[in-house]
C-alpha atoms as a PDB file:
ATOM      1  CA  MET A   1       0.000   0.000   0.000  1.00  0.00           C
ATOM      2  CA  LYS A   2       2.782   2.429   0.871  1.00  0.00           C
ATOM      3  CA  TYR A   3       4.367   1.765  -2.538  1.00  0.00           C
ATOM      4  CA  ILE A   4       1.141   2.707  -4.303  1.00  0.00           C
ATOM      5  CA  LEU A   5       1.019   5.922  -2.287  1.00  0.00           C
ATOM      6  CA  LEU A   6       4.675   6.684  -3.052  1.00  0.00           C
ATOM      7  CA  ILE A   7       4.200   6.017  -6.768  1.00  0.00           C
ATOM      8  CA  SER A   8       1.068   8.197  -6.801  1.00  0.00           C
ATOM      9  CA  ILE A   9       2.973  11.050  -5.181  1.00  0.00           C
ATOM     10  CA  LEU A  10       5.859  10.725  -7.636  1.00  0.00           C
ATOM     11  CA  ILE A  11       3.499  10.686 -10.611  1.00  0.00           C
ATOM     12  CA  PHE A  12       1.656  13.749  -9.250  1.00  0.00           C
ATOM     13  CA  CYS A  13       4.914  15.649  -8.625  1.00  0.00           C
ATOM     14  CA  ASN A  14       6.288  14.824 -12.037  1.00  0.00           C
ATOM     15  CA  SER A  15       3.075  15.790 -13.771  1.00  0.00           C
ATOM     16  CA  THR A  16       2.682  19.169 -12.043  1.00  0.00           C
ATOM     17  CA  GLY A  17       6.323  20.136 -11.543  1.00  0.00           C
ATOM     18  CA  PRO A  18       7.260  20.664 -15.200  1.00  0.00           C
ATOM     19  CA  ALA A  19       3.984  22.478 -15.909  1.00  0.00           C
ATOM     20  CA  GLN A  20       4.606  24.870 -13.035  1.00  0.00           C
ATOM     21  CA  ALA A  21       8.193  25.392 -14.181  1.00  0.00           C
ATOM     22  CA  GLU A  22       6.916  26.089 -17.707  1.00  0.00           C
ATOM     23  CA  GLN A  23       4.364  28.620 -16.378  1.00  0.00           C
ATOM     24  CA  LYS A  24       7.066  30.340 -14.306  1.00  0.00           C
ATOM     25  CA  THR A  25       9.382  30.475 -17.321  1.00  0.00           C
ATOM     26  CA  GLU A  26       6.559  31.887 -19.461  1.00  0.00           C
ATOM     27  CA  ALA A  27       5.755  34.551 -16.845  1.00  0.00           C
ATOM     28  CA  LEU A  28       9.445  35.539 -16.631  1.00  0.00           C
ATOM     29  CA  PHE A  29       9.580  35.705 -20.433  1.00  0.00           C
ATOM     30  CA  GLU A  30       6.524  38.004 -20.501  1.00  0.00           C
ATOM     31  CA  ALA A  31       8.021  40.199 -17.760  1.00  0.00           C
ATOM     32  CA  ASN A  32      11.292  40.415 -19.686  1.00  0.00           C
ATOM     33  CA  LEU A  33       9.409  41.457 -22.833  1.00  0.00           C
ATOM     34  CA  LYS A  34       7.764  44.326 -20.937  1.00  0.00           C
ATOM     35  CA  LEU A  35      11.072  45.294 -19.288  1.00  0.00           C
ATOM     36  CA  ASN A  36      12.776  45.353 -22.710  1.00  0.00           C
ATOM     37  CA  GLU A  37       9.947  47.479 -24.093  1.00  0.00           C
ATOM     38  CA  LEU A  38      10.365  49.921 -21.198  1.00  0.00           C
ATOM     39  CA  ALA A  39      14.146  50.038 -21.698  1.00  0.00           C
ATOM     40  CA  SER A  40      13.597  51.055 -25.345  1.00  0.00           C
ATOM     41  CA  LEU A  41      11.320  54.005 -24.516  1.00  0.00           C
ATOM     42  CA  PRO A  42      12.560  57.522 -23.733  1.00  0.00           C
ATOM     43  CA  GLU A  43      11.716  59.150 -20.415  1.00  0.00           C
ATOM     44  CA  GLY A  44       8.754  61.495 -20.636  1.00  0.00           C
ATOM     45  CA  LEU A  45       7.087  61.045 -17.265  1.00  0.00           C
ATOM     46  CA  THR A  46       8.124  61.607 -13.674  1.00  0.00           C
ATOM     47  CA  VAL A  47       6.878  59.085 -11.097  1.00  0.00           C
ATOM     48  CA  THR A  48       7.256  59.407  -7.308  1.00  0.00           C
ATOM     49  CA  HIS A  49       6.014  57.448  -4.296  1.00  0.00           C
ATOM     50  CA  THR A  50       5.288  58.901  -0.858  1.00  0.00           C
ATOM     51  CA  PRO A  51       6.365  57.740   1.622  1.00  0.00           C
ATOM     52  CA  ASP A  52       9.359  55.783   0.420  1.00  0.00           C
ATOM     53  CA  PRO A  53      10.218  53.461   2.082  1.00  0.00           C
ATOM     54  CA  VAL A  54       6.822  52.262   3.350  1.00  0.00           C
ATOM     55  CA  LEU A  55       6.010  50.620   6.696  1.00  0.00           C
ATOM     56  CA  TYR A  56       3.231  48.042   6.729  1.00  0.00           C
ATOM     57  CA  ILE A  57      -0.054  48.030   8.605  1.00  0.00           C
ATOM     58  CA  LEU A  58      -2.177  45.042   9.598  1.00  0.00           C
ATOM     59  CA  HIS A  59      -5.427  44.396   7.791  1.00  0.00           C
ATOM     60  CA  THR A  60      -8.750  44.457   9.545  1.00  0.00           C
ATOM     61  CA  PRO A  61      -9.806  41.157  11.154  1.00  0.00           C
ATOM     62  CA  SER A  62     -11.880  40.261   8.088  1.00  0.00           C
ATOM     63  CA  LEU A  63      -8.809  40.319   5.826  1.00  0.00           C
ATOM     64  CA  SER A  64      -5.583  38.388   6.217  1.00  0.00           C
ATOM     65  CA  GLY A  65      -2.073  39.639   5.634  1.00  0.00           C
ATOM     66  CA  VAL A  66      -0.473  43.029   5.734  1.00  0.00           C
ATOM     67  CA  GLN A  67      -0.786  46.180   3.681  1.00  0.00           C
ATOM     68  CA  TRP A  68       1.640  48.885   2.583  1.00  0.00           C
ATOM     69  CA  LYS A  69      -0.137  52.154   1.759  1.00  0.00           C
ATOM     70  CA  HIS A  70       1.509  54.944  -0.202  1.00  0.00           C
ATOM     71  CA  SER A  71       0.633  57.532  -2.799  1.00  0.00           C
ATOM     72  CA  THR A  72       1.961  57.492  -6.346  1.00  0.00           C
ATOM     73  CA  THR A  73       2.248  60.718  -8.326  1.00  0.00           C
ATOM     74  CA  VAL A  74       2.749  60.998 -12.084  1.00  0.00           C
ATOM     75  CA  SER A  75       3.531  64.099 -14.125  1.00  0.00           C
ATOM     76  CA  SER A  76       4.647  64.835 -17.659  1.00  0.00           C
ATOM     77  CA  THR A  77       8.066  66.276 -18.416  1.00  0.00           C
ATOM     78  CA  SER A  78       6.796  67.543 -21.786  1.00  0.00           C
ATOM     79  CA  THR A  79       6.292  71.268 -22.260  1.00  0.00           C
ATOM     80  CA  GLU A  80       4.712  70.755 -25.691  1.00  0.00           C
ATOM     81  CA  GLY A  81       1.209  69.556 -24.867  1.00  0.00           C
ATOM     82  CA  THR A  82      -0.408  66.643 -23.125  1.00  0.00           C
ATOM     83  CA  VAL A  83       0.834  63.108 -22.617  1.00  0.00           C
ATOM     84  CA  THR A  84      -1.903  60.475 -22.693  1.00  0.00           C
ATOM     85  CA  ILE A  85      -1.367  57.441 -20.469  1.00  0.00           C
ATOM     86  CA  LEU A  86      -1.846  54.222 -22.438  1.00  0.00           C
ATOM     87  CA  GLU A  87      -1.085  51.673 -19.718  1.00  0.00           C
ATOM     88  CA  PHE A  88       0.573  51.216 -16.370  1.00  0.00           C
ATOM     89  CA  GLY A  89       1.485  48.387 -14.068  1.00  0.00           C
ATOM     90  CA  TYR A  90       4.150  47.120 -11.717  1.00  0.00           C
ATOM     91  CA  PHE A  91       6.829  44.538 -11.090  1.00  0.00           C
ATOM     92  CA  VAL A  92       7.967  42.914  -7.853  1.00  0.00           C
ATOM     93  CA  GLU A  93      11.619  42.118  -7.255  1.00  0.00           C
ATOM     94  CA  ARG A  94      12.147  38.438  -6.443  1.00  0.00           C
ATOM     95  CA  ASN A  95      15.482  36.674  -6.273  1.00  0.00           C
ATOM     96  CA  GLY A  96      17.258  39.661  -7.791  1.00  0.00           C
ATOM     97  CA  GLN A  97      15.019  40.022 -10.838  1.00  0.00           C
ATOM     98  CA  TRP A  98      11.865  41.933 -11.707  1.00  0.00           C
ATOM     99  CA  GLU A  99       8.779  39.755 -12.122  1.00  0.00           C
ATOM    100  CA  PHE A 100       5.133  40.465 -12.650  1.00  0.00           C
ATOM    101  CA  PRO A 101       3.117  40.272  -9.417  1.00  0.00           C
ATOM    102  CA  TYR A 102       1.330  37.074  -8.441  1.00  0.00           C
ATOM    103  CA  GLY A 103       4.121  34.782  -9.613  1.00  0.00           C
ATOM    104  CA  VAL A 104       3.049  32.638 -12.548  1.00  0.00           C
ATOM    105  CA  GLU A 105      -0.384  34.144 -13.071  1.00  0.00           C
ATOM    106  CA  VAL A 106      -1.167  36.285 -16.090  1.00  0.00           C
ATOM    107  CA  PRO A 107       0.205  39.792 -15.456  1.00  0.00           C
ATOM    108  CA  TYR A 108      -2.368  42.483 -14.809  1.00  0.00           C
ATOM    109  CA  THR A 109      -1.859  45.713 -16.722  1.00  0.00           C
ATOM    110  CA  TYR A 110      -3.963  48.742 -15.957  1.00  0.00           C
ATOM    111  CA  THR A 111      -5.587  50.643 -18.827  1.00  0.00           C
ATOM    112  CA  SER A 112      -5.908  54.335 -19.601  1.00  0.00           C
ATOM    113  CA  GLU A 113      -9.460  54.140 -18.234  1.00  0.00           C
ATOM    114  CA  ASN A 114      -8.093  52.804 -14.929  1.00  0.00           C
ATOM    115  CA  PHE A 115      -5.594  55.680 -14.859  1.00  0.00           C
ATOM    116  CA  ALA A 116      -8.304  58.288 -15.470  1.00  0.00           C
ATOM    117  CA  LYS A 117     -10.285  56.982 -12.477  1.00  0.00           C
ATOM    118  CA  ARG A 118      -7.488  56.268 -10.025  1.00  0.00           C
ATOM    119  CA  TYR A 119      -5.547  59.455 -10.734  1.00  0.00           C
ATOM    120  CA  ASP A 120      -8.525  61.796 -11.303  1.00  0.00           C
ATOM    121  CA  CYS A 121      -7.165  62.631 -14.739  1.00  0.00           C
ATOM    122  CA  PRO A 122      -9.830  63.244 -17.418  1.00  0.00           C
ATOM    123  CA  ASN A 123      -9.190  61.178 -20.563  1.00  0.00           C
ATOM    124  CA  SER A 124      -5.854  60.082 -19.017  1.00  0.00           C
ATOM    125  CA  GLU A 125      -4.289  63.254 -20.461  1.00  0.00           C
ATOM    126  CA  LEU A 126      -1.493  64.659 -18.326  1.00  0.00           C
ATOM    127  CA  GLN A 127      -1.431  68.434 -18.656  1.00  0.00           C
ATOM    128  CA  PRO A 128       1.960  70.183 -18.636  1.00  0.00           C
ATOM    129  CA  ASP A 129       2.997  71.450 -15.198  1.00  0.00           C
ATOM    130  CA  LYS A 130       0.315  69.413 -13.404  1.00  0.00           C
ATOM    131  CA  SER A 131       0.702  66.296 -11.232  1.00  0.00           C
ATOM    132  CA  TYR A 132      -1.788  63.459 -10.812  1.00  0.00           C
ATOM    133  CA  THR A 133      -1.858  61.331  -7.669  1.00  0.00           C
ATOM    134  CA  ASP A 134      -3.324  58.020  -6.590  1.00  0.00           C
ATOM    135  CA  ALA A 135      -3.410  58.703  -2.859  1.00  0.00           C
ATOM    136  CA  TRP A 136      -4.590  55.160  -2.062  1.00  0.00           C
ATOM    137  CA  ASN A 137      -1.983  53.016  -3.811  1.00  0.00           C
ATOM    138  CA  GLN A 138      -1.144  49.848  -1.897  1.00  0.00           C
ATOM    139  CA  SER A 139       0.443  46.427  -1.837  1.00  0.00           C
ATOM    140  CA  VAL A 140      -1.257  43.597   0.035  1.00  0.00           C
ATOM    141  CA  ILE A 141       0.238  40.168   0.766  1.00  0.00           C
ATOM    142  CA  ASP A 142      -0.096  37.421   3.365  1.00  0.00           C
ATOM    143  CA  CYS A 143       3.482  37.596   4.654  1.00  0.00           C
ATOM    144  CA  VAL A 144       5.909  40.363   5.439  1.00  0.00           C
ATOM    145  CA  PRO A 145       9.045  40.055   3.296  1.00  0.00           C
ATOM    146  CA  GLU A 146      10.919  43.260   2.568  1.00  0.00           C
ATOM    147  CA  GLN A 147      10.683  43.891  -1.144  1.00  0.00           C
ATOM    148  CA  MET A 148      10.953  46.423  -3.935  1.00  0.00           C
ATOM    149  CA  VAL A 149       8.043  47.234  -6.235  1.00  0.00           C
ATOM    150  CA  LYS A 150       8.584  49.088  -9.519  1.00  0.00           C
ATOM    151  CA  TRP A 151       5.641  50.990 -11.006  1.00  0.00           C
ATOM    152  CA  TYR A 152       5.787  51.896 -14.700  1.00  0.00           C
ATOM    153  CA  PHE A 153       3.662  54.145 -16.899  1.00  0.00           C
ATOM    154  CA  ILE A 154       3.612  54.312 -20.705  1.00  0.00           C
ATOM    155  CA  GLY A 155       2.142  57.313 -22.486  1.00  0.00           C
ATOM    156  CA  LEU A 156       1.836  58.968 -25.871  1.00  0.00           C
ATOM    157  CA  ASP A 157       3.135  62.538 -26.149  1.00  0.00           C
ATOM    158  CA  ALA A 158       1.673  65.329 -28.291  1.00  0.00           C
ATOM    159  CA  LYS A 159       4.025  64.411 -31.175  1.00  0.00           C
ATOM    160  CA  GLY A 160       2.810  60.803 -31.172  1.00  0.00           C
ATOM    161  CA  ASN A 161       5.916  59.348 -29.482  1.00  0.00           C
ATOM    162  CA  ARG A 162       5.638  56.673 -26.797  1.00  0.00           C
ATOM    163  CA  VAL A 163       7.300  57.715 -23.538  1.00  0.00           C
ATOM    164  CA  LYS A 164       7.701  56.140 -20.115  1.00  0.00           C
ATOM    165  CA  GLY A 165       8.125  56.886 -16.468  1.00  0.00           C
ATOM    166  CA  GLU A 166       8.986  54.458 -13.703  1.00  0.00           C
ATOM    167  CA  ALA A 167       9.924  54.481 -10.040  1.00  0.00           C
ATOM    168  CA  SER A 168      10.540  51.881  -7.359  1.00  0.00           C
ATOM    169  CA  VAL A 169       9.242  51.922  -3.818  1.00  0.00           C
ATOM    170  CA  LYS A 170      10.660  49.886  -0.938  1.00  0.00           C
ATOM    171  CA  LEU A 171       8.229  47.945   1.253  1.00  0.00           C
ATOM    172  CA  LEU A 172       9.777  47.456   4.696  1.00  0.00           C
ATOM    173  CA  THR A 173       9.229  44.668   7.223  1.00  0.00           C
ATOM    174  CA  GLU A 174       8.479  47.166   9.998  1.00  0.00           C
ATOM    175  CA  LEU A 175       5.006  47.726  11.405  1.00  0.00           C
ATOM    176  CA  ALA A 176       3.791  51.331  11.256  1.00  0.00           C
ATOM    177  CA  LYS A 177       2.936  52.812  14.646  1.00  0.00           C
END
């Protein structure tokens, strides 16, 4: 009986292990594609996080885990018209490399419509000399590892050129008082 159990476990491990490794490899590949895209774009946006670094707080009893709350502000460096946000998202640093959040799951990218709502920015158009802030940005996880999170934003300037802005924020393992 114990041999049947052992064989069943080995078959299960061998059948799920490679699939999980393949999903992880695929997710890293997708993250690297986005990172390469970002590396090819010129700077055209300024991104800041406040505070940085961020102390965590405990969730309410109905939710598990911890939460890091901070604001994220985006502004255009262009003086020649608006920059329209096309997409934004973030990476989490794991084992010395940037990965999409949630490990092997499909990465979640926010749209221009999400930006307009979260940043109170009509039509996702950044006006020159004006900043737009998501005062309720956050990271939520079940454990408390110190980590870096990199937010990126991709926009289209008034000349039709794609531009970027990105900034990292450090999430500390200290409880806010």
